[in-house]
Amino acid sequence: MSPRSLLWVSVLAVLLGVSVVDASAQAPTAPAAPTPPPPPPPLVKVGQPMPDFVLPYLEAAPDGGRPSAKTATLSSFKGKQSVVVAFYPAAFSPG
């Protein structure tokens, strides 16, 4: 390329606002966020009996009035019937 052509290309680049930046002069990218540690293993293994727990619930009034607060314990079902415990995160919650 002749010096005259190089001059015109340089002038044109300045008029168009084109700039040449060295790739090594760019700002470094932020390091990746550390990954959280894995969750702890479950305390209850398959085949082990479940520990006893208490859960609150509301019992409907027979006349359609206000429900009454009750509690249910896992031990109250022992020897009477099978119990399946299932967890659904965020089930029946808004959002």
C-alpha atoms as a PDB file:
ATOM      1  CA  MET A   1       0.000   0.000   0.000  1.00  0.00           C
ATOM      2  CA  SER A   2       1.395   3.364  -0.939  1.00  0.00           C
ATOM      3  CA  PRO A   3       1.973   6.058   1.694  1.00  0.00           C
ATOM      4  CA  ARG A   4      -0.711   8.211   0.048  1.00  0.00           C
ATOM      5  CA  SER A   5      -3.299   5.391   0.257  1.00  0.00           C
ATOM      6  CA  LEU A   6      -2.336   4.723   3.849  1.00  0.00           C
ATOM      7  CA  LEU A   7      -2.885   8.417   4.629  1.00  0.00           C
ATOM      8  CA  TRP A   8      -6.381   8.341   3.099  1.00  0.00           C
ATOM      9  CA  VAL A   9      -7.305   5.188   4.990  1.00  0.00           C
ATOM     10  CA  SER A  10      -6.117   6.795   8.226  1.00  0.00           C
ATOM     11  CA  VAL A  11      -8.088   9.986   7.562  1.00  0.00           C
ATOM     12  CA  LEU A  12     -11.181   7.980   6.653  1.00  0.00           C
ATOM     13  CA  ALA A  13     -10.855   5.902   9.845  1.00  0.00           C
ATOM     14  CA  VAL A  14     -10.601   9.077  11.955  1.00  0.00           C
ATOM     15  CA  LEU A  15     -13.636  10.627  10.228  1.00  0.00           C
ATOM     16  CA  LEU A  16     -15.718   7.476  10.746  1.00  0.00           C
ATOM     17  CA  GLY A  17     -14.652   7.185  14.367  1.00  0.00           C
ATOM     18  CA  VAL A  18     -13.024   3.807  13.908  1.00  0.00           C
ATOM     19  CA  SER A  19     -10.363   3.013  16.426  1.00  0.00           C
ATOM     20  CA  VAL A  20      -7.991   0.132  16.585  1.00  0.00           C
ATOM     21  CA  VAL A  21      -7.506  -1.276  20.075  1.00  0.00           C
ATOM     22  CA  ASP A  22      -4.967  -3.833  21.067  1.00  0.00           C
ATOM     23  CA  ALA A  23      -6.810  -6.953  22.301  1.00  0.00           C
ATOM     24  CA  SER A  24      -4.387  -7.365  25.200  1.00  0.00           C
ATOM     25  CA  ALA A  25      -5.226  -3.849  26.461  1.00  0.00           C
ATOM     26  CA  GLN A  26      -8.896  -4.691  27.084  1.00  0.00           C
ATOM     27  CA  ALA A  27     -10.191  -4.905  30.632  1.00  0.00           C
ATOM     28  CA  PRO A  28      -9.976  -8.412  32.093  1.00  0.00           C
ATOM     29  CA  THR A  29     -13.219 -10.296  32.541  1.00  0.00           C
ATOM     30  CA  ALA A  30     -14.569 -10.873  36.035  1.00  0.00           C
ATOM     31  CA  PRO A  31     -13.779 -14.289  37.493  1.00  0.00           C
ATOM     32  CA  ALA A  32     -16.623 -16.764  37.618  1.00  0.00           C
ATOM     33  CA  ALA A  33     -18.594 -16.900  40.866  1.00  0.00           C
ATOM     34  CA  PRO A  34     -17.608 -19.829  43.066  1.00  0.00           C
ATOM     35  CA  THR A  35     -20.036 -22.712  43.006  1.00  0.00           C
ATOM     36  CA  PRO A  36     -21.877 -23.395  46.256  1.00  0.00           C
ATOM     37  CA  PRO A  37     -20.976 -26.539  48.159  1.00  0.00           C
ATOM     38  CA  PRO A  38     -23.169 -29.600  47.577  1.00  0.00           C
ATOM     39  CA  PRO A  39     -26.019 -30.204  50.034  1.00  0.00           C
ATOM     40  CA  PRO A  40     -25.375 -32.551  52.937  1.00  0.00           C
ATOM     41  CA  PRO A  41     -26.488 -36.167  52.560  1.00  0.00           C
ATOM     42  CA  PRO A  42     -29.934 -37.042  53.950  1.00  0.00           C
ATOM     43  CA  LEU A  43     -30.059 -38.094  57.585  1.00  0.00           C
ATOM     44  CA  VAL A  44     -32.556 -40.882  56.869  1.00  0.00           C
ATOM     45  CA  LYS A  45     -31.536 -43.699  54.541  1.00  0.00           C
ATOM     46  CA  VAL A  46     -33.807 -45.990  52.576  1.00  0.00           C
ATOM     47  CA  GLY A  47     -35.213 -48.678  54.862  1.00  0.00           C
ATOM     48  CA  GLN A  48     -34.681 -46.759  58.097  1.00  0.00           C
ATOM     49  CA  PRO A  49     -37.707 -45.707  60.165  1.00  0.00           C
ATOM     50  CA  MET A  50     -38.675 -42.065  59.858  1.00  0.00           C
ATOM     51  CA  PRO A  51     -38.115 -39.890  62.951  1.00  0.00           C
ATOM     52  CA  ASP A  52     -41.298 -38.698  64.644  1.00  0.00           C
ATOM     53  CA  PHE A  53     -42.538 -35.213  63.730  1.00  0.00           C
ATOM     54  CA  VAL A  54     -45.556 -32.992  64.381  1.00  0.00           C
ATOM     55  CA  LEU A  55     -47.483 -31.073  61.702  1.00  0.00           C
ATOM     56  CA  PRO A  56     -50.244 -28.509  62.267  1.00  0.00           C
ATOM     57  CA  TYR A  57     -53.455 -28.640  60.220  1.00  0.00           C
ATOM     58  CA  LEU A  58     -56.971 -27.168  60.224  1.00  0.00           C
ATOM     59  CA  GLU A  59     -60.040 -29.368  60.728  1.00  0.00           C
ATOM     60  CA  ALA A  60     -63.249 -28.105  59.147  1.00  0.00           C
ATOM     61  CA  ALA A  61     -66.182 -27.488  61.454  1.00  0.00           C
ATOM     62  CA  PRO A  62     -69.179 -29.747  60.762  1.00  0.00           C
ATOM     63  CA  ASP A  63     -71.557 -26.776  60.596  1.00  0.00           C
ATOM     64  CA  GLY A  64     -69.359 -24.816  58.155  1.00  0.00           C
ATOM     65  CA  GLY A  65     -68.069 -22.495  60.876  1.00  0.00           C
ATOM     66  CA  ARG A  66     -64.488 -21.681  61.734  1.00  0.00           C
ATOM     67  CA  PRO A  67     -61.986 -24.517  61.355  1.00  0.00           C
ATOM     68  CA  SER A  68     -60.149 -25.637  64.476  1.00  0.00           C
ATOM     69  CA  ALA A  69     -56.366 -25.976  64.711  1.00  0.00           C
ATOM     70  CA  LYS A  70     -55.117 -29.536  65.241  1.00  0.00           C
ATOM     71  CA  THR A  71     -51.779 -31.333  65.132  1.00  0.00           C
ATOM     72  CA  ALA A  72     -50.852 -34.666  63.588  1.00  0.00           C
ATOM     73  CA  THR A  73     -47.863 -36.768  64.647  1.00  0.00           C
ATOM     74  CA  LEU A  74     -46.228 -39.512  62.647  1.00  0.00           C
ATOM     75  CA  SER A  75     -46.227 -41.782  65.695  1.00  0.00           C
ATOM     76  CA  SER A  76     -50.050 -41.639  65.853  1.00  0.00           C
ATOM     77  CA  PHE A  77     -50.188 -43.618  62.562  1.00  0.00           C
ATOM     78  CA  LYS A  78     -47.673 -46.318  63.616  1.00  0.00           C
ATOM     79  CA  GLY A  79     -49.137 -49.804  63.233  1.00  0.00           C
ATOM     80  CA  LYS A  80     -52.454 -48.434  61.866  1.00  0.00           C
ATOM     81  CA  GLN A  81     -51.726 -47.522  58.249  1.00  0.00           C
ATOM     82  CA  SER A  82     -48.927 -46.708  55.836  1.00  0.00           C
ATOM     83  CA  VAL A  83     -47.764 -43.116  55.548  1.00  0.00           C
ATOM     84  CA  VAL A  84     -46.154 -41.547  52.490  1.00  0.00           C
ATOM     85  CA  VAL A  85     -44.227 -38.323  53.071  1.00  0.00           C
ATOM     86  CA  ALA A  86     -43.702 -36.183  49.961  1.00  0.00           C
ATOM     87  CA  PHE A  87     -42.109 -32.745  49.740  1.00  0.00           C
ATOM     88  CA  TYR A  88     -43.042 -30.296  46.982  1.00  0.00           C
ATOM     89  CA  PRO A  89     -40.905 -27.143  47.195  1.00  0.00           C
ATOM     90  CA  ALA A  90     -42.972 -23.997  46.545  1.00  0.00           C
ATOM     91  CA  ALA A  91     -46.170 -26.018  45.937  1.00  0.00           C
ATOM     92  CA  PHE A  92     -49.374 -24.099  46.574  1.00  0.00           C
ATOM     93  CA  SER A  93     -47.486 -20.855  47.097  1.00  0.00           C
ATOM     94  CA  PRO A  94     -47.810 -17.671  45.037  1.00  0.00           C
ATOM     95  CA  GLY A  95     -45.060 -16.777  42.612  1.00  0.00           C
END
